Protein backbone atom coordinates (compact mmCIF):
# COMPACT_ATOMS: atom_id res chain seq x y z
CA UNK A 1 -69.16 42.22 -87.15
CA UNK A 2 -65.91 40.39 -85.25
CA UNK A 3 -66.81 37.04 -83.64
CA UNK A 4 -66.51 36.56 -79.86
CA UNK A 5 -64.68 33.35 -78.64
CA UNK A 6 -66.71 31.53 -76.68
CA UNK A 7 -66.20 30.70 -72.99
CA UNK A 8 -64.59 26.97 -73.34
CA UNK A 9 -62.53 29.04 -76.16
CA UNK A 10 -60.96 31.01 -73.54
CA UNK A 11 -60.83 28.10 -71.00
CA UNK A 12 -59.09 25.97 -73.45
CA UNK A 13 -56.30 28.46 -74.23
CA UNK A 14 -56.29 29.59 -70.77
CA UNK A 15 -55.50 25.67 -69.61
CA UNK A 16 -52.64 25.80 -72.63
CA UNK A 17 -51.31 29.07 -71.05
CA UNK A 18 -50.93 27.59 -67.80
CA UNK A 19 -49.37 23.83 -69.08
CA UNK A 20 -46.87 25.97 -71.41
CA UNK A 21 -45.81 27.99 -68.16
CA UNK A 22 -45.38 24.93 -66.23
CA UNK A 23 -43.52 23.76 -68.38
CA UNK A 24 -40.80 26.86 -68.79
CA UNK A 25 -41.10 26.64 -64.73
CA UNK A 26 -39.58 23.36 -64.81
CA UNK A 27 -37.37 23.74 -67.30
CA UNK A 28 -35.70 26.55 -65.35
CA UNK A 29 -36.13 24.47 -61.95
CA UNK A 30 -34.14 21.58 -63.84
CA UNK A 31 -31.74 23.81 -65.27
CA UNK A 32 -30.77 25.54 -62.00
CA UNK A 33 -30.68 22.69 -60.59
CA UNK A 34 -27.49 21.36 -62.49
CA UNK A 35 -25.97 24.87 -62.03
CA UNK A 36 -26.36 24.29 -58.32
CA UNK A 37 -24.51 20.88 -58.57
CA UNK A 38 -22.13 21.88 -60.84
CA UNK A 39 -21.24 24.76 -58.50
CA UNK A 40 -21.28 22.52 -55.42
CA UNK A 41 -19.40 20.05 -57.52
CA UNK A 42 -16.67 22.32 -57.99
CA UNK A 43 -16.91 24.18 -54.46
CA UNK A 44 -16.41 20.44 -53.00
CA UNK A 45 -14.04 19.13 -55.18
CA UNK A 46 -11.27 16.53 -53.45
CA UNK A 47 -12.01 18.62 -50.01
CA UNK A 48 -12.36 16.46 -46.45
CA UNK A 49 -16.12 16.66 -45.30
CA UNK A 50 -15.26 16.42 -42.05
CA UNK A 51 -13.21 20.04 -41.72
CA UNK A 52 -12.95 21.64 -45.46
CA UNK A 53 -9.08 20.94 -46.12
CA UNK A 54 -7.61 19.72 -49.32
CA UNK A 55 -7.18 15.75 -50.01
CA UNK A 56 -4.68 14.01 -51.35
CA UNK A 57 -4.05 10.41 -52.84
CA UNK A 58 -2.91 7.39 -51.72
CA UNK A 59 -2.34 4.08 -52.91
CA UNK A 60 -3.67 1.00 -50.28
CA UNK A 61 -3.08 -2.36 -51.78
CA UNK A 62 -3.25 -1.44 -54.97
CA UNK A 63 -6.55 0.89 -54.24
CA UNK A 64 -6.06 5.14 -54.47
CA UNK A 65 -7.92 6.17 -51.38
CA UNK A 66 -7.77 9.79 -50.18
CA UNK A 67 -6.69 11.54 -46.97
CA UNK A 68 -7.10 14.37 -45.53
CA UNK A 69 -4.03 16.54 -45.04
CA UNK A 70 -5.10 18.35 -41.65
CA UNK A 71 -7.00 15.92 -39.83
CA UNK A 72 -6.16 12.79 -41.06
CA UNK A 73 -9.27 11.32 -42.33
CA UNK A 74 -9.57 8.38 -45.03
CA UNK A 75 -11.71 8.88 -47.05
CA UNK A 76 -13.04 5.46 -49.60
CA UNK A 77 -15.20 6.24 -53.18
CA UNK A 78 -18.00 4.15 -53.98
CA UNK A 79 -17.21 0.48 -54.17
CA UNK A 80 -12.90 0.97 -52.99
CA UNK A 81 -14.02 0.13 -49.56
CA UNK A 82 -15.58 -3.47 -51.21
CA UNK A 83 -12.67 -4.36 -52.95
CA UNK A 84 -10.00 -4.14 -49.50
CA UNK A 85 -12.33 -6.53 -48.31
CA UNK A 86 -12.39 -8.82 -50.82
CA UNK A 87 -8.38 -8.63 -50.58
CA UNK A 88 -8.06 -9.18 -47.06
CA UNK A 89 -10.77 -12.21 -47.44
CA UNK A 90 -8.69 -13.82 -49.71
CA UNK A 91 -5.82 -13.22 -47.53
CA UNK A 92 -7.18 -14.92 -44.51
CA UNK A 93 -8.49 -17.60 -46.93
CA UNK A 94 -4.67 -17.94 -47.68
CA UNK A 95 -3.58 -18.29 -43.89
CA UNK A 96 -6.71 -20.79 -43.41
CA UNK A 97 -5.31 -23.13 -46.14
CA UNK A 98 -1.78 -23.58 -44.11
CA UNK A 99 -3.45 -25.22 -41.22
CA UNK A 100 -5.91 -27.42 -42.99
CA UNK A 101 -5.36 -31.11 -43.97
């Protein structure tokens, strides 16, 4: 005669199944998010955030910046504006040192 599982056993396996499905759903969502991130990066790479046209590189005081060929906007990557400011500050300090005794 087959033994019927107890209610607590059924609850345990039901919880296990729910947890397994949650993990699968989370993994699927993470995979989809990564694929979407990659797709958006490819779609927007080297495009102007303002008008969507192509960006070209140009050099300003040894720093490579991006400029839009259409609207003329100039775009800084992370840290580039800090480099430019530090170069300008050092130039100002040199000029000011000429006037000090």
